[in-house]
Amino acid sequence: MSLLERHCHTFDGNGDGDGDDDAGESENKLEYTEVFGEYTSSVEDFIESELGRRLDGFDMRSFLRELERRGREGGSRPEGEVFEMLHTLTDFVAFKEMMVDFRRMRDAGAADMASEHLTVQGM
């Protein structure tokens, strides 16, 4: 069972349980932060594992140090589609919207299709 399937019931879109508001417009439950932490950890582990498998000698710590160094020297964060996608993967509002959307799809009977498209293998 995917993280989406295990935790989507927690996300109602507004924090008060009535499911009426959009994903990013109201207070969040503490549980949201806990699930987001699990999600972020899973994404990071997956990325590190795949890069290590595909690139001989890849070291995540060295990679992160290099990104930090370039950011300090250049004064800006890395740009490009890959970095934008990575940023989106760790954005809480985007995560919450994904969970709320998945729950709505599940409740409407479309979760099987959504699960196939939103689940990263190994997470």
Protein backbone atom coordinates (compact mmCIF):
# COMPACT_ATOMS: atom_id res chain seq x y z
CA MET A 1 0.00 0.00 0.00
CA SER A 2 1.42 3.39 -1.01
CA LEU A 3 1.90 6.38 1.27
CA LEU A 4 -1.00 8.05 -0.57
CA GLU A 5 -3.30 5.13 0.18
CA ARG A 6 -2.15 4.81 3.80
CA HIS A 7 -2.63 8.48 4.69
CA CYS A 8 -5.12 10.14 2.32
CA HIS A 9 -7.94 9.69 4.86
CA THR A 10 -6.10 12.16 7.11
CA PHE A 11 -6.35 14.96 4.53
CA ASP A 12 -9.70 16.66 4.24
CA GLY A 13 -8.45 19.88 2.65
CA ASN A 14 -9.01 22.29 5.50
CA GLY A 15 -7.97 20.87 8.84
CA ASP A 16 -11.47 20.90 10.38
CA GLY A 17 -12.81 17.69 8.90
CA ASP A 18 -15.64 19.00 6.73
CA GLY A 19 -13.71 18.80 3.46
CA ASP A 20 -15.11 22.07 2.04
CA ASP A 21 -11.98 24.23 1.62
CA ASP A 22 -9.17 24.03 -0.91
CA ALA A 23 -5.92 22.33 0.08
CA GLY A 24 -3.82 25.42 0.81
CA GLU A 25 -6.26 27.88 2.36
CA SER A 26 -6.59 27.03 6.05
CA GLU A 27 -4.94 25.71 9.17
CA ASN A 28 -3.25 22.36 8.97
CA LYS A 29 -3.55 19.40 11.30
CA LEU A 30 -0.41 18.28 13.11
CA GLU A 31 -0.86 14.92 11.38
CA TYR A 32 -0.27 16.61 8.02
CA THR A 33 3.23 17.61 9.11
CA GLU A 34 3.98 14.09 10.33
CA VAL A 35 2.86 12.52 7.04
CA PHE A 36 4.78 15.18 5.08
CA GLY A 37 7.92 14.23 7.04
CA GLU A 38 7.44 10.58 6.10
CA TYR A 39 6.83 11.56 2.47
CA THR A 40 9.90 13.84 2.32
CA SER A 41 12.09 11.15 3.84
CA SER A 42 10.79 8.58 1.35
CA VAL A 43 11.41 10.91 -1.60
CA GLU A 44 14.94 11.73 -0.40
CA ASP A 45 15.78 8.06 0.16
CA PHE A 46 14.41 7.12 -3.25
CA ILE A 47 16.37 9.86 -5.06
CA GLU A 48 19.59 9.03 -3.22
CA SER A 49 19.17 5.32 -3.91
CA GLU A 50 18.47 5.81 -7.62
CA LEU A 51 21.31 8.27 -8.14
CA GLY A 52 23.68 5.93 -6.31
CA ARG A 53 22.54 3.03 -8.47
CA ARG A 54 22.85 4.94 -11.74
CA LEU A 55 26.00 7.03 -11.13
CA ASP A 56 29.19 5.28 -10.10
CA GLY A 57 30.73 6.94 -7.06
CA PHE A 58 27.71 9.17 -6.34
CA ASP A 59 27.72 10.59 -2.81
CA MET A 60 24.65 12.57 -1.68
CA ARG A 61 26.54 14.54 0.96
CA SER A 62 29.12 15.71 -1.58
CA PHE A 63 26.35 16.57 -4.02
CA LEU A 64 24.49 18.66 -1.44
CA ARG A 65 27.70 20.43 -0.38
CA GLU A 66 28.36 21.31 -4.03
CA LEU A 67 24.83 22.69 -4.45
CA GLU A 68 25.26 24.80 -1.31
CA ARG A 69 28.66 26.07 -2.49
CA ARG A 70 27.29 27.06 -5.88
CA GLY A 71 24.36 28.80 -4.23
CA ARG A 72 26.68 30.81 -1.98
CA GLU A 73 29.06 31.74 -4.77
CA GLY A 74 26.40 32.51 -7.37
CA GLY A 75 23.93 34.08 -4.98
CA SER A 76 20.99 32.13 -6.38
CA ARG A 77 19.51 28.69 -6.11
CA PRO A 78 19.97 26.21 -8.99
CA GLU A 79 17.58 26.65 -11.88
CA GLY A 80 16.10 24.39 -14.51
CA GLU A 81 13.31 21.86 -14.86
CA VAL A 82 15.01 19.23 -12.70
CA PHE A 83 15.54 21.60 -9.79
CA GLU A 84 12.00 22.96 -10.11
CA MET A 85 10.64 19.41 -9.97
CA LEU A 86 12.82 18.61 -6.94
CA HIS A 87 11.60 21.76 -5.20
CA THR A 88 7.98 20.80 -5.90
CA LEU A 89 8.57 17.37 -4.36
CA THR A 90 9.51 19.02 -1.07
CA ASP A 91 6.87 21.80 -1.10
CA PHE A 92 4.29 21.27 1.67
CA VAL A 93 1.42 23.04 -0.11
CA ALA A 94 1.97 20.97 -3.28
CA PHE A 95 2.12 17.81 -1.13
CA LYS A 96 -1.10 18.66 0.69
CA GLU A 97 -2.86 19.40 -2.61
CA MET A 98 -1.70 16.03 -3.95
CA MET A 99 -3.05 14.22 -0.86
CA VAL A 100 -6.39 16.08 -0.95
CA ASP A 101 -6.75 15.42 -4.69
CA PHE A 102 -5.95 11.74 -4.21
CA ARG A 103 -8.53 11.47 -1.42
CA ARG A 104 -11.18 13.14 -3.60
CA MET A 105 -10.35 10.78 -6.47
CA ARG A 106 -10.48 7.79 -4.12
CA ASP A 107 -13.81 8.91 -2.71
CA ALA A 108 -15.13 9.30 -6.27
CA GLY A 109 -13.98 5.77 -7.14
CA ALA A 110 -11.01 6.75 -9.28
CA ALA A 111 -8.23 5.93 -6.79
CA ASP A 112 -6.94 2.88 -8.66
CA MET A 113 -6.10 5.01 -11.67
CA ALA A 114 -4.72 7.83 -9.49
CA SER A 115 -2.55 5.45 -7.50
CA GLU A 116 -0.95 4.13 -10.68
CA HIS A 117 -0.02 7.65 -11.81
CA LEU A 118 1.02 9.22 -8.49
CA THR A 119 3.02 6.45 -6.84
CA VAL A 120 6.78 6.28 -7.27
CA GLN A 121 8.07 2.72 -7.25
CA GLY A 122 9.72 1.92 -3.93
CA MET A 123 7.83 4.49 -1.87
